[in-house]
All heavy atoms as atom14 arrays in JSON, in Angstrom:
{
  "sequence": "QRFLNPKKQELHDPYLMYDMDKAVARIQKAVINGEKILIYGDYDA",
  "atom14_mask": [
    [1, 1, 1, 1, 1, 1, 1, 1, 1, 0, 0, 0, 0, 0],
    [1, 1, 1, 1, 1, 1, 1, 1, 1, 1, 1, 0, 0, 0],
    [1, 1, 1, 1, 1, 1, 1, 1, 1, 1, 1, 0, 0, 0],
    [1, 1, 1, 1, 1, 1, 1, 1, 0, 0, 0, 0, 0, 0],
    [1, 1, 1, 1, 1, 1, 1, 1, 0, 0, 0, 0, 0, 0],
    [1, 1, 1, 1, 1, 1, 1, 0, 0, 0, 0, 0, 0, 0],
    [1, 1, 1, 1, 1, 1, 1, 1, 1, 0, 0, 0, 0, 0],
    [1, 1, 1, 1, 1, 1, 1, 1, 1, 0, 0, 0, 0, 0],
    [1, 1, 1, 1, 1, 1, 1, 1, 1, 0, 0, 0, 0, 0],
    [1, 1, 1, 1, 1, 1, 1, 1, 1, 0, 0, 0, 0, 0],
    [1, 1, 1, 1, 1, 1, 1, 1, 0, 0, 0, 0, 0, 0],
    [1, 1, 1, 1, 1, 1, 1, 1, 1, 1, 0, 0, 0, 0],
    [1, 1, 1, 1, 1, 1, 1, 1, 0, 0, 0, 0, 0, 0],
    [1, 1, 1, 1, 1, 1, 1, 0, 0, 0, 0, 0, 0, 0],
    [1, 1, 1, 1, 1, 1, 1, 1, 1, 1, 1, 1, 0, 0],
    [1, 1, 1, 1, 1, 1, 1, 1, 0, 0, 0, 0, 0, 0],
    [1, 1, 1, 1, 1, 1, 1, 1, 0, 0, 0, 0, 0, 0],
    [1, 1, 1, 1, 1, 1, 1, 1, 1, 1, 1, 1, 0, 0],
    [1, 1, 1, 1, 1, 1, 1, 1, 0, 0, 0, 0, 0, 0],
    [1, 1, 1, 1, 1, 1, 1, 1, 0, 0, 0, 0, 0, 0],
    [1, 1, 1, 1, 1, 1, 1, 1, 0, 0, 0, 0, 0, 0],
    [1, 1, 1, 1, 1, 1, 1, 1, 1, 0, 0, 0, 0, 0],
    [1, 1, 1, 1, 1, 0, 0, 0, 0, 0, 0, 0, 0, 0],
    [1, 1, 1, 1, 1, 1, 1, 0, 0, 0, 0, 0, 0, 0],
    [1, 1, 1, 1, 1, 0, 0, 0, 0, 0, 0, 0, 0, 0],
    [1, 1, 1, 1, 1, 1, 1, 1, 1, 1, 1, 0, 0, 0],
    [1, 1, 1, 1, 1, 1, 1, 1, 0, 0, 0, 0, 0, 0],
    [1, 1, 1, 1, 1, 1, 1, 1, 1, 0, 0, 0, 0, 0],
    [1, 1, 1, 1, 1, 1, 1, 1, 1, 0, 0, 0, 0, 0],
    [1, 1, 1, 1, 1, 0, 0, 0, 0, 0, 0, 0, 0, 0],
    [1, 1, 1, 1, 1, 1, 1, 0, 0, 0, 0, 0, 0, 0],
    [1, 1, 1, 1, 1, 1, 1, 1, 0, 0, 0, 0, 0, 0],
    [1, 1, 1, 1, 1, 1, 1, 1, 0, 0, 0, 0, 0, 0],
    [1, 1, 1, 1, 0, 0, 0, 0, 0, 0, 0, 0, 0, 0],
    [1, 1, 1, 1, 1, 1, 1, 1, 1, 0, 0, 0, 0, 0],
    [1, 1, 1, 1, 1, 1, 1, 1, 1, 0, 0, 0, 0, 0],
    [1, 1, 1, 1, 1, 1, 1, 1, 0, 0, 0, 0, 0, 0],
    [1, 1, 1, 1, 1, 1, 1, 1, 0, 0, 0, 0, 0, 0],
    [1, 1, 1, 1, 1, 1, 1, 1, 0, 0, 0, 0, 0, 0],
    [1, 1, 1, 1, 1, 1, 1, 1, 1, 1, 1, 1, 0, 0],
    [1, 1, 1, 1, 0, 0, 0, 0, 0, 0, 0, 0, 0, 0],
    [1, 1, 1, 1, 1, 1, 1, 1, 0, 0, 0, 0, 0, 0],
    [1, 1, 1, 1, 1, 1, 1, 1, 1, 1, 1, 1, 0, 0],
    [1, 1, 1, 1, 1, 1, 1, 1, 0, 0, 0, 0, 0, 0],
    [1, 1, 1, 1, 1, 0, 0, 0, 0, 0, 0, 0, 0, 0]
  ],
  "atom14_positions": [
    [[92.61, 135.47, 95.22], [91.82, 134.27, 95.39], [92.64, 133.23, 96.21], [92.11, 132.61, 97.15], [91.41, 133.66, 94.05], [90.37, 134.47, 93.28], [89.02, 134.44, 93.95], [88.76, 133.7, 94.93], [88.13, 135.3, 93.5], [0.0, 0.0, 0.0], [0.0, 0.0, 0.0], [0.0, 0.0, 0.0], [0.0, 0.0, 0.0], [0.0, 0.0, 0.0]],
    [[93.86, 133.04, 95.87], [94.75, 132.08, 96.58], [94.92, 132.51, 98.02], [94.88, 131.68, 98.9], [96.08, 131.95, 95.88], [96.04, 131.18, 94.58], [97.47, 130.74, 94.2], [97.6, 130.51, 92.77], [98.11, 131.38, 91.89], [98.56, 132.54, 92.32], [98.2, 131.12, 90.6], [0.0, 0.0, 0.0], [0.0, 0.0, 0.0], [0.0, 0.0, 0.0]],
    [[95.17, 133.81, 98.19], [95.43, 134.25, 99.56], [94.2, 134.2, 100.46], [94.28, 133.79, 101.61], [95.96, 135.72, 99.5], [96.31, 136.24, 100.82], [97.55, 135.95, 101.42], [95.46, 137.04, 101.57], [97.88, 136.43, 102.68], [95.76, 137.55, 102.79], [97.02, 137.24, 103.36], [0.0, 0.0, 0.0], [0.0, 0.0, 0.0], [0.0, 0.0, 0.0]],
    [[93.04, 134.64, 99.92], [91.86, 134.7, 100.72], [91.15, 133.37, 100.93], [90.32, 133.23, 101.83], [90.87, 135.71, 100.12], [91.37, 137.2, 100.11], [90.44, 138.04, 99.23], [91.44, 137.7, 101.49], [0.0, 0.0, 0.0], [0.0, 0.0, 0.0], [0.0, 0.0, 0.0], [0.0, 0.0, 0.0], [0.0, 0.0, 0.0], [0.0, 0.0, 0.0]],
    [[91.48, 132.38, 100.11], [90.87, 131.06, 100.22], [91.89, 129.97, 100.35], [91.95, 129.03, 99.52], [89.98, 130.82, 99.0], [88.9, 131.88, 98.84], [87.96, 131.93, 99.61], [89.11, 132.77, 97.87], [0.0, 0.0, 0.0], [0.0, 0.0, 0.0], [0.0, 0.0, 0.0], [0.0, 0.0, 0.0], [0.0, 0.0, 0.0], [0.0, 0.0, 0.0]],
    [[92.75, 130.0, 101.39], [93.86, 129.03, 101.48], [93.35, 127.58, 101.5], [94.06, 126.68, 101.02], [94.6, 129.46, 102.73], [93.57, 130.19, 103.54], [92.73, 130.92, 102.52], [0.0, 0.0, 0.0], [0.0, 0.0, 0.0], [0.0, 0.0, 0.0], [0.0, 0.0, 0.0], [0.0, 0.0, 0.0], [0.0, 0.0, 0.0], [0.0, 0.0, 0.0]],
    [[92.24, 127.33, 102.2], [91.79, 125.96, 102.33], [91.36, 125.3, 101.06], [91.24, 124.07, 100.96], [90.64, 125.9, 103.41], [91.14, 126.18, 104.81], [90.05, 125.92, 105.84], [89.11, 127.05, 105.9], [88.18, 126.97, 107.05], [0.0, 0.0, 0.0], [0.0, 0.0, 0.0], [0.0, 0.0, 0.0], [0.0, 0.0, 0.0], [0.0, 0.0, 0.0]],
    [[91.1, 126.14, 100.0], [90.66, 125.61, 98.74], [91.8, 125.34, 97.76], [91.55, 124.81, 96.71], [89.64, 126.59, 98.1], [88.35, 126.72, 98.9], [87.33, 127.62, 98.2], [86.08, 127.74, 98.97], [85.1, 128.67, 98.3], [0.0, 0.0, 0.0], [0.0, 0.0, 0.0], [0.0, 0.0, 0.0], [0.0, 0.0, 0.0], [0.0, 0.0, 0.0]],
    [[93.02, 125.74, 98.18], [94.16, 125.58, 97.28], [94.63, 124.12, 97.34], [94.69, 123.49, 98.38], [95.28, 126.51, 97.7], [94.9, 127.99, 97.73], [94.23, 128.43, 96.43], [94.77, 128.17, 95.35], [93.09, 129.05, 96.55], [0.0, 0.0, 0.0], [0.0, 0.0, 0.0], [0.0, 0.0, 0.0], [0.0, 0.0, 0.0], [0.0, 0.0, 0.0]],
    [[94.96, 123.6, 96.13], [95.44, 122.27, 96.06], [96.87, 122.17, 96.59], [97.7, 123.05, 96.37], [95.42, 121.77, 94.6], [93.99, 121.53, 94.12], [94.01, 120.86, 92.72], [95.12, 120.46, 92.27], [92.94, 120.75, 92.14], [0.0, 0.0, 0.0], [0.0, 0.0, 0.0], [0.0, 0.0, 0.0], [0.0, 0.0, 0.0], [0.0, 0.0, 0.0]],
    [[97.2, 121.06, 97.25], [98.54, 120.83, 97.76], [99.4, 120.28, 96.61], [98.91, 119.56, 95.74], [98.53, 119.83, 98.93], [97.7, 120.31, 100.13], [97.65, 119.17, 101.16], [98.35, 121.53, 100.78], [0.0, 0.0, 0.0], [0.0, 0.0, 0.0], [0.0, 0.0, 0.0], [0.0, 0.0, 0.0], [0.0, 0.0, 0.0], [0.0, 0.0, 0.0]],
    [[100.67, 120.57, 96.64], [101.59, 120.16, 95.55], [101.86, 118.63, 95.62], [101.82, 118.03, 96.68], [102.9, 120.92, 95.68], [102.76, 122.4, 95.56], [102.13, 123.02, 94.49], [103.17, 123.41, 96.37], [102.14, 124.3, 94.64], [102.79, 124.59, 95.81], [0.0, 0.0, 0.0], [0.0, 0.0, 0.0], [0.0, 0.0, 0.0], [0.0, 0.0, 0.0]],
    [[102.14, 118.11, 94.49], [102.52, 116.69, 94.33], [103.82, 116.41, 95.09], [104.85, 117.0, 94.8], [102.65, 116.34, 92.85], [102.98, 114.89, 92.6], [103.21, 114.13, 93.59], [103.05, 114.47, 91.43], [0.0, 0.0, 0.0], [0.0, 0.0, 0.0], [0.0, 0.0, 0.0], [0.0, 0.0, 0.0], [0.0, 0.0, 0.0], [0.0, 0.0, 0.0]],
    [[103.81, 115.51, 96.12], [105.02, 115.26, 96.86], [106.18, 114.69, 96.01], [107.33, 114.88, 96.35], [104.57, 114.24, 97.94], [103.34, 113.62, 97.38], [102.65, 114.73, 96.59], [0.0, 0.0, 0.0], [0.0, 0.0, 0.0], [0.0, 0.0, 0.0], [0.0, 0.0, 0.0], [0.0, 0.0, 0.0], [0.0, 0.0, 0.0], [0.0, 0.0, 0.0]],
    [[105.75, 114.06, 94.93], [106.85, 113.49, 94.06], [107.63, 114.5, 93.21], [108.59, 114.13, 92.57], [106.23, 112.4, 93.12], [105.92, 111.11, 93.87], [104.63, 110.83, 94.32], [106.92, 110.19, 94.13], [104.35, 109.71, 95.02], [106.63, 109.02, 94.85], [105.33, 108.79, 95.26], [105.04, 107.63, 95.98], [0.0, 0.0, 0.0], [0.0, 0.0, 0.0]],
    [[107.25, 115.77, 93.32], [108.05, 116.82, 92.71], [109.33, 117.07, 93.55], [110.24, 117.71, 93.06], [107.25, 118.12, 92.59], [106.06, 118.07, 91.61], [105.24, 119.37, 91.74], [106.56, 117.86, 90.22], [0.0, 0.0, 0.0], [0.0, 0.0, 0.0], [0.0, 0.0, 0.0], [0.0, 0.0, 0.0], [0.0, 0.0, 0.0], [0.0, 0.0, 0.0]],
    [[109.3, 116.58, 94.73], [110.49, 116.73, 95.62], [111.55, 115.7, 95.26], [111.24, 114.52, 95.04], [110.02, 116.59, 97.09], [110.82, 117.53, 98.03], [110.18, 117.48, 99.69], [108.63, 118.41, 99.5], [0.0, 0.0, 0.0], [0.0, 0.0, 0.0], [0.0, 0.0, 0.0], [0.0, 0.0, 0.0], [0.0, 0.0, 0.0], [0.0, 0.0, 0.0]],
    [[112.76, 116.14, 95.24], [113.91, 115.3, 94.89], [113.95, 114.1, 95.81], [113.84, 114.17, 97.0], [115.19, 116.1, 94.94], [116.41, 115.32, 94.49], [116.65, 115.07, 93.13], [117.35, 114.88, 95.46], [117.76, 114.35, 92.75], [118.47, 114.18, 95.02], [118.67, 113.93, 93.68], [119.77, 113.22, 93.23], [0.0, 0.0, 0.0], [0.0, 0.0, 0.0]],
    [[114.27, 112.9, 95.24], [114.45, 111.66, 95.97], [113.21, 111.1, 96.62], [113.3, 110.14, 97.38], [115.55, 111.8, 96.99], [116.93, 111.45, 96.45], [117.05, 111.01, 95.27], [117.92, 111.62, 97.2], [0.0, 0.0, 0.0], [0.0, 0.0, 0.0], [0.0, 0.0, 0.0], [0.0, 0.0, 0.0], [0.0, 0.0, 0.0], [0.0, 0.0, 0.0]],
    [[112.02, 111.75, 96.4], [110.82, 111.24, 97.05], [110.49, 109.79, 96.63], [110.17, 108.95, 97.44], [109.63, 112.19, 96.8], [108.35, 111.76, 97.47], [108.42, 111.84, 99.29], [108.23, 113.59, 99.55], [0.0, 0.0, 0.0], [0.0, 0.0, 0.0], [0.0, 0.0, 0.0], [0.0, 0.0, 0.0], [0.0, 0.0, 0.0], [0.0, 0.0, 0.0]],
    [[110.56, 109.56, 95.34], [110.25, 108.23, 94.86], [111.22, 107.18, 95.43], [110.84, 106.07, 95.82], [110.31, 108.16, 93.35], [111.6, 108.74, 92.74], [112.39, 109.33, 93.48], [111.81, 108.55, 91.52], [0.0, 0.0, 0.0], [0.0, 0.0, 0.0], [0.0, 0.0, 0.0], [0.0, 0.0, 0.0], [0.0, 0.0, 0.0], [0.0, 0.0, 0.0]],
    [[112.49, 107.58, 95.53], [113.52, 106.68, 96.08], [113.28, 106.39, 97.58], [113.38, 105.29, 98.03], [114.88, 107.33, 95.88], [116.07, 106.41, 96.09], [117.35, 107.14, 95.73], [118.58, 106.25, 95.99], [119.85, 107.01, 95.71], [0.0, 0.0, 0.0], [0.0, 0.0, 0.0], [0.0, 0.0, 0.0], [0.0, 0.0, 0.0], [0.0, 0.0, 0.0]],
    [[112.86, 107.44, 98.29], [112.63, 107.27, 99.71], [111.42, 106.39, 99.95], [111.43, 105.51, 100.82], [112.4, 108.66, 100.35], [0.0, 0.0, 0.0], [0.0, 0.0, 0.0], [0.0, 0.0, 0.0], [0.0, 0.0, 0.0], [0.0, 0.0, 0.0], [0.0, 0.0, 0.0], [0.0, 0.0, 0.0], [0.0, 0.0, 0.0], [0.0, 0.0, 0.0]],
    [[110.36, 106.63, 99.18], [109.12, 105.83, 99.32], [109.4, 104.36, 99.08], [108.96, 103.46, 99.8], [108.03, 106.35, 98.43], [106.86, 105.42, 98.34], [107.56, 107.75, 98.9], [0.0, 0.0, 0.0], [0.0, 0.0, 0.0], [0.0, 0.0, 0.0], [0.0, 0.0, 0.0], [0.0, 0.0, 0.0], [0.0, 0.0, 0.0], [0.0, 0.0, 0.0]],
    [[110.15, 104.09, 97.98], [110.43, 102.68, 97.63], [111.24, 102.02, 98.68], [110.99, 100.85, 99.03], [111.19, 102.64, 96.27], [0.0, 0.0, 0.0], [0.0, 0.0, 0.0], [0.0, 0.0, 0.0], [0.0, 0.0, 0.0], [0.0, 0.0, 0.0], [0.0, 0.0, 0.0], [0.0, 0.0, 0.0], [0.0, 0.0, 0.0], [0.0, 0.0, 0.0]],
    [[112.23, 102.72, 99.32], [113.08, 102.1, 100.33], [112.24, 101.83, 101.59], [112.45, 100.79, 102.24], [114.27, 103.01, 100.66], [115.21, 102.47, 101.7], [115.88, 101.2, 101.27], [116.71, 100.65, 102.3], [116.29, 99.75, 103.23], [114.99, 99.35, 103.19], [117.12, 99.27, 104.13], [0.0, 0.0, 0.0], [0.0, 0.0, 0.0], [0.0, 0.0, 0.0]],
    [[111.35, 102.76, 101.93], [110.54, 102.55, 103.16], [109.56, 101.39, 102.9], [109.36, 100.53, 103.84], [109.8, 103.84, 103.51], [110.8, 104.92, 103.95], [108.8, 103.6, 104.61], [110.21, 106.3, 104.1], [0.0, 0.0, 0.0], [0.0, 0.0, 0.0], [0.0, 0.0, 0.0], [0.0, 0.0, 0.0], [0.0, 0.0, 0.0], [0.0, 0.0, 0.0]],
    [[108.96, 101.35, 101.76], [108.03, 100.22, 101.45], [108.75, 98.89, 101.55], [108.22, 97.91, 102.1], [107.44, 100.42, 100.07], [106.43, 101.56, 99.99], [105.95, 101.85, 98.6], [106.64, 101.52, 97.6], [104.78, 102.48, 98.46], [0.0, 0.0, 0.0], [0.0, 0.0, 0.0], [0.0, 0.0, 0.0], [0.0, 0.0, 0.0], [0.0, 0.0, 0.0]],
    [[109.97, 98.84, 101.06], [110.76, 97.63, 101.14], [111.01, 97.27, 102.6], [110.89, 96.07, 102.97], [112.09, 97.82, 100.39], [113.03, 96.65, 100.5], [114.35, 96.95, 99.83], [115.36, 95.81, 99.98], [116.69, 96.12, 99.4], [0.0, 0.0, 0.0], [0.0, 0.0, 0.0], [0.0, 0.0, 0.0], [0.0, 0.0, 0.0], [0.0, 0.0, 0.0]],
    [[111.34, 98.25, 103.41], [111.62, 97.99, 104.84], [110.39, 97.46, 105.54], [110.44, 96.58, 106.36], [112.1, 99.28, 105.51], [0.0, 0.0, 0.0], [0.0, 0.0, 0.0], [0.0, 0.0, 0.0], [0.0, 0.0, 0.0], [0.0, 0.0, 0.0], [0.0, 0.0, 0.0], [0.0, 0.0, 0.0], [0.0, 0.0, 0.0], [0.0, 0.0, 0.0]],
    [[109.25, 98.02, 105.18], [107.97, 97.56, 105.79], [107.66, 96.12, 105.42], [107.32, 95.31, 106.27], [106.8, 98.52, 105.38], [105.46, 97.93, 105.88], [107.02, 99.9, 105.97], [0.0, 0.0, 0.0], [0.0, 0.0, 0.0], [0.0, 0.0, 0.0], [0.0, 0.0, 0.0], [0.0, 0.0, 0.0], [0.0, 0.0, 0.0], [0.0, 0.0, 0.0]],
    [[107.82, 95.87, 104.14], [107.53, 94.48, 103.66], [108.46, 93.47, 104.33], [108.06, 92.37, 104.72], [107.69, 94.47, 102.13], [106.55, 95.28, 101.46], [107.66, 93.02, 101.61], [106.74, 95.5, 100.01], [0.0, 0.0, 0.0], [0.0, 0.0, 0.0], [0.0, 0.0, 0.0], [0.0, 0.0, 0.0], [0.0, 0.0, 0.0], [0.0, 0.0, 0.0]],
    [[109.71, 93.85, 104.46], [110.74, 92.92, 105.01], [110.77, 92.94, 106.54], [111.57, 92.2, 107.16], [112.11, 93.25, 104.48], [112.2, 92.97, 102.99], [111.45, 92.2, 102.43], [113.11, 93.68, 102.31], [0.0, 0.0, 0.0], [0.0, 0.0, 0.0], [0.0, 0.0, 0.0], [0.0, 0.0, 0.0], [0.0, 0.0, 0.0], [0.0, 0.0, 0.0]],
    [[109.97, 93.75, 107.19], [109.93, 93.77, 108.64], [111.18, 94.39, 109.26], [111.57, 94.06, 110.38], [0.0, 0.0, 0.0], [0.0, 0.0, 0.0], [0.0, 0.0, 0.0], [0.0, 0.0, 0.0], [0.0, 0.0, 0.0], [0.0, 0.0, 0.0], [0.0, 0.0, 0.0], [0.0, 0.0, 0.0], [0.0, 0.0, 0.0], [0.0, 0.0, 0.0]],
    [[111.89, 95.24, 108.47], [113.07, 95.88, 108.98], [112.73, 96.82, 110.15], [111.68, 97.41, 110.17], [113.79, 96.7, 107.9], [114.33, 95.85, 106.78], [115.01, 96.67, 105.71], [115.69, 97.67, 106.11], [114.83, 96.38, 104.49], [0.0, 0.0, 0.0], [0.0, 0.0, 0.0], [0.0, 0.0, 0.0], [0.0, 0.0, 0.0], [0.0, 0.0, 0.0]],
    [[113.67, 96.96, 111.1], [113.47, 97.85, 112.23], [113.88, 99.23, 111.8], [115.04, 99.46, 111.4], [114.24, 97.35, 113.41], [113.88, 98.06, 114.72], [114.5, 97.42, 115.96], [114.0, 98.1, 117.21], [114.57, 97.54, 118.43], [0.0, 0.0, 0.0], [0.0, 0.0, 0.0], [0.0, 0.0, 0.0], [0.0, 0.0, 0.0], [0.0, 0.0, 0.0]],
    [[112.97, 100.19, 111.9], [113.2, 101.56, 111.4], [113.31, 102.52, 112.56], [112.51, 102.51, 113.51], [112.04, 102.02, 110.49], [111.89, 101.03, 109.29], [112.25, 103.44, 109.98], [110.59, 101.29, 108.51], [0.0, 0.0, 0.0], [0.0, 0.0, 0.0], [0.0, 0.0, 0.0], [0.0, 0.0, 0.0], [0.0, 0.0, 0.0], [0.0, 0.0, 0.0]],
    [[114.31, 103.38, 112.53], [114.49, 104.48, 113.55], [114.1, 105.77, 112.94], [114.58, 106.2, 111.85], [115.96, 104.53, 114.01], [116.24, 105.7, 114.9], [115.61, 105.53, 116.26], [117.78, 105.88, 115.09], [0.0, 0.0, 0.0], [0.0, 0.0, 0.0], [0.0, 0.0, 0.0], [0.0, 0.0, 0.0], [0.0, 0.0, 0.0], [0.0, 0.0, 0.0]],
    [[113.13, 106.44, 113.58], [112.8, 107.82, 113.18], [113.58, 108.74, 114.12], [113.36, 108.78, 115.34], [111.29, 108.07, 113.36], [110.49, 107.05, 112.51], [110.92, 109.53, 112.95], [108.98, 107.06, 112.78], [0.0, 0.0, 0.0], [0.0, 0.0, 0.0], [0.0, 0.0, 0.0], [0.0, 0.0, 0.0], [0.0, 0.0, 0.0], [0.0, 0.0, 0.0]],
    [[114.46, 109.53, 113.51], [115.37, 110.37, 114.3], [114.95, 111.83, 114.12], [115.1, 112.4, 113.05], [116.83, 110.15, 113.83], [117.91, 110.79, 114.7], [118.59, 109.98, 115.66], [118.23, 112.12, 114.61], [119.6, 110.55, 116.45], [119.22, 112.68, 115.4], [119.88, 111.9, 116.3], [120.86, 112.42, 117.12], [0.0, 0.0, 0.0], [0.0, 0.0, 0.0]],
    [[114.46, 112.45, 115.17], [113.88, 113.73, 115.07], [114.74, 114.87, 115.68], [115.94, 114.73, 115.77], [0.0, 0.0, 0.0], [0.0, 0.0, 0.0], [0.0, 0.0, 0.0], [0.0, 0.0, 0.0], [0.0, 0.0, 0.0], [0.0, 0.0, 0.0], [0.0, 0.0, 0.0], [0.0, 0.0, 0.0], [0.0, 0.0, 0.0], [0.0, 0.0, 0.0]],
    [[114.07, 115.92, 116.08], [114.74, 117.06, 116.73], [113.97, 117.44, 117.97], [112.81, 117.05, 118.16], [114.81, 118.24, 115.72], [115.63, 119.42, 116.21], [116.51, 119.18, 117.1], [115.39, 120.53, 115.78], [0.0, 0.0, 0.0], [0.0, 0.0, 0.0], [0.0, 0.0, 0.0], [0.0, 0.0, 0.0], [0.0, 0.0, 0.0], [0.0, 0.0, 0.0]],
    [[114.65, 118.24, 118.82], [114.08, 118.48, 120.16], [113.15, 119.73, 120.26], [112.71, 120.07, 121.35], [115.18, 118.56, 121.21], [116.37, 119.39, 120.8], [116.31, 120.74, 120.55], [117.62, 118.76, 120.6], [117.41, 121.48, 120.16], [118.74, 119.51, 120.2], [118.64, 120.85, 119.99], [119.74, 121.54, 119.62], [0.0, 0.0, 0.0], [0.0, 0.0, 0.0]],
    [[112.83, 120.36, 119.13], [111.9, 121.49, 119.15], [110.53, 121.08, 118.72], [110.3, 119.92, 118.39], [112.46, 122.66, 118.37], [112.52, 122.38, 116.89], [112.15, 121.27, 116.43], [112.96, 123.28, 116.1], [0.0, 0.0, 0.0], [0.0, 0.0, 0.0], [0.0, 0.0, 0.0], [0.0, 0.0, 0.0], [0.0, 0.0, 0.0], [0.0, 0.0, 0.0]],
    [[109.6, 122.04, 118.71], [108.22, 121.73, 118.4], [108.09, 121.17, 116.96], [107.24, 120.25, 116.72], [107.35, 122.99, 118.54], [0.0, 0.0, 0.0], [0.0, 0.0, 0.0], [0.0, 0.0, 0.0], [0.0, 0.0, 0.0], [0.0, 0.0, 0.0], [0.0, 0.0, 0.0], [0.0, 0.0, 0.0], [0.0, 0.0, 0.0], [0.0, 0.0, 0.0]]
  ]
}
């Protein structure tokens, strides 16, 4: 069922990931305070 109906499967709770709550709180603080944020990526797709 899971394999044949992938679009119907629920996505996992992001807060199960380590430090997610900490990251979200820090970003929200930066947005509220108007801090300048750098998104540093990678050169592949």
